[in-house]
């Protein structure tokens, strides 16, 4: 079994400018997250 790194092969899009952020006082940019492990938790209210 071989391991393959996908780092730097796929560029994530910027977050939309009109989204609402929780637990932060300002929007976060992709540049700030570069090189970090990021877990996104999407909530849906029914």
N, C-alpha and C. Protein backbone atom coordinates (compact mmCIF):
# COMPACT_ATOMS: atom_id res chain seq x y z
N UNK A 1 0.86 -1.18 0.00
CA UNK A 1 0.00 0.00 0.00
C UNK A 1 0.90 1.24 0.00
N UNK A 2 0.65 2.14 -0.91
CA UNK A 2 1.44 3.37 -0.97
C UNK A 2 0.64 4.53 -0.39
N UNK A 3 1.35 5.49 0.16
CA UNK A 3 0.69 6.70 0.66
C UNK A 3 0.94 7.81 -0.33
N UNK A 4 -0.04 8.64 -0.51
CA UNK A 4 0.06 9.73 -1.47
C UNK A 4 -0.42 11.00 -0.82
N UNK A 5 0.33 12.05 -0.95
CA UNK A 5 -0.05 13.35 -0.39
C UNK A 5 -0.78 14.16 -1.45
N UNK A 6 -1.89 14.75 -1.05
CA UNK A 6 -2.63 15.62 -1.95
C UNK A 6 -2.41 17.09 -1.60
N UNK A 7 -1.49 17.36 -0.68
CA UNK A 7 -1.20 18.73 -0.26
C UNK A 7 -0.77 19.57 -1.45
N UNK A 8 -1.42 20.71 -1.59
CA UNK A 8 -1.06 21.65 -2.65
C UNK A 8 -1.58 21.29 -4.02
N UNK A 9 -2.33 20.21 -4.16
CA UNK A 9 -2.81 19.80 -5.47
C UNK A 9 -4.19 20.33 -5.79
N UNK A 10 -4.97 20.67 -4.77
CA UNK A 10 -6.32 21.17 -4.98
C UNK A 10 -6.48 22.46 -4.18
N UNK A 11 -6.84 23.53 -4.85
CA UNK A 11 -7.06 24.80 -4.16
C UNK A 11 -8.52 24.93 -3.75
N UNK A 12 -8.72 25.16 -2.47
CA UNK A 12 -10.08 25.36 -1.97
C UNK A 12 -10.53 26.78 -2.31
N UNK A 13 -11.81 26.97 -2.61
CA UNK A 13 -12.31 28.32 -2.91
C UNK A 13 -12.39 29.16 -1.64
N UNK A 14 -12.39 30.46 -1.80
CA UNK A 14 -12.58 31.36 -0.66
C UNK A 14 -14.00 31.19 -0.13
N UNK A 15 -14.18 31.49 1.14
CA UNK A 15 -15.52 31.46 1.72
C UNK A 15 -16.35 32.60 1.14
N UNK A 16 -17.66 32.39 0.96
CA UNK A 16 -18.51 33.48 0.45
C UNK A 16 -18.47 34.68 1.40
N UNK A 17 -18.50 35.89 0.88
CA UNK A 17 -18.38 37.08 1.73
C UNK A 17 -19.59 37.34 2.63
N UNK A 18 -20.72 36.73 2.34
CA UNK A 18 -21.94 37.03 3.10
C UNK A 18 -22.33 35.95 4.11
N UNK A 19 -21.43 35.00 4.42
CA UNK A 19 -21.80 33.97 5.39
C UNK A 19 -21.65 34.48 6.82
N UNK A 20 -22.40 33.86 7.72
CA UNK A 20 -22.36 34.25 9.13
C UNK A 20 -21.38 33.35 9.87
N UNK A 21 -20.45 33.96 10.60
CA UNK A 21 -19.43 33.22 11.34
C UNK A 21 -19.83 33.09 12.80
N UNK A 22 -19.44 31.97 13.42
CA UNK A 22 -19.71 31.71 14.83
C UNK A 22 -18.36 31.55 15.54
N UNK A 23 -18.27 32.10 16.75
CA UNK A 23 -17.08 32.00 17.59
C UNK A 23 -15.85 32.71 17.01
N UNK A 24 -16.07 33.72 16.22
CA UNK A 24 -14.98 34.56 15.72
C UNK A 24 -15.53 35.95 15.49
N UNK A 25 -14.69 36.95 15.70
CA UNK A 25 -15.18 38.33 15.56
C UNK A 25 -14.98 38.89 14.16
N UNK A 26 -14.41 38.08 13.26
CA UNK A 26 -14.20 38.52 11.88
C UNK A 26 -14.18 37.31 10.95
N UNK A 27 -14.37 37.52 9.67
CA UNK A 27 -14.29 36.40 8.72
C UNK A 27 -12.88 35.81 8.66
N UNK A 28 -12.79 34.54 8.37
CA UNK A 28 -11.51 33.85 8.23
C UNK A 28 -11.24 33.65 6.75
N UNK A 29 -10.00 33.84 6.34
CA UNK A 29 -9.64 33.67 4.93
C UNK A 29 -8.90 32.35 4.74
N UNK A 30 -8.87 31.89 3.51
CA UNK A 30 -8.14 30.66 3.20
C UNK A 30 -6.65 30.84 3.45
N UNK A 31 -6.12 32.03 3.26
CA UNK A 31 -4.71 32.30 3.50
C UNK A 31 -4.35 32.05 4.97
N UNK A 32 -5.25 32.43 5.88
CA UNK A 32 -5.01 32.21 7.31
C UNK A 32 -4.99 30.72 7.67
N UNK A 33 -5.69 29.90 6.90
CA UNK A 33 -5.80 28.48 7.19
C UNK A 33 -4.75 27.64 6.47
N UNK A 34 -4.00 28.24 5.58
CA UNK A 34 -3.00 27.51 4.78
C UNK A 34 -2.00 26.79 5.69
N UNK A 35 -1.81 25.49 5.43
CA UNK A 35 -0.86 24.69 6.19
C UNK A 35 -1.40 24.14 7.50
N UNK A 36 -2.67 24.40 7.78
CA UNK A 36 -3.28 23.93 9.03
C UNK A 36 -4.30 22.84 8.73
N UNK A 37 -4.54 22.00 9.70
CA UNK A 37 -5.62 21.01 9.59
C UNK A 37 -6.91 21.70 10.01
N UNK A 38 -7.93 21.60 9.17
CA UNK A 38 -9.18 22.31 9.40
C UNK A 38 -10.34 21.32 9.41
N UNK A 39 -11.19 21.42 10.43
CA UNK A 39 -12.40 20.62 10.50
C UNK A 39 -13.58 21.58 10.42
N UNK A 40 -14.43 21.40 9.44
CA UNK A 40 -15.62 22.23 9.27
C UNK A 40 -16.84 21.44 9.74
N UNK A 41 -17.65 22.06 10.56
CA UNK A 41 -18.86 21.43 11.07
C UNK A 41 -20.05 22.23 10.56
N UNK A 42 -20.81 21.67 9.63
CA UNK A 42 -21.95 22.35 9.05
C UNK A 42 -23.21 21.99 9.81
N UNK A 43 -23.95 23.00 10.23
CA UNK A 43 -25.18 22.79 10.98
C UNK A 43 -26.37 23.06 10.07
N UNK A 44 -27.41 22.27 10.24
CA UNK A 44 -28.65 22.49 9.50
C UNK A 44 -29.80 22.53 10.50
N UNK A 45 -30.61 23.56 10.40
CA UNK A 45 -31.79 23.68 11.27
C UNK A 45 -33.02 23.38 10.45
N UNK A 46 -33.82 22.46 10.95
CA UNK A 46 -35.04 22.08 10.22
C UNK A 46 -36.24 22.81 10.75
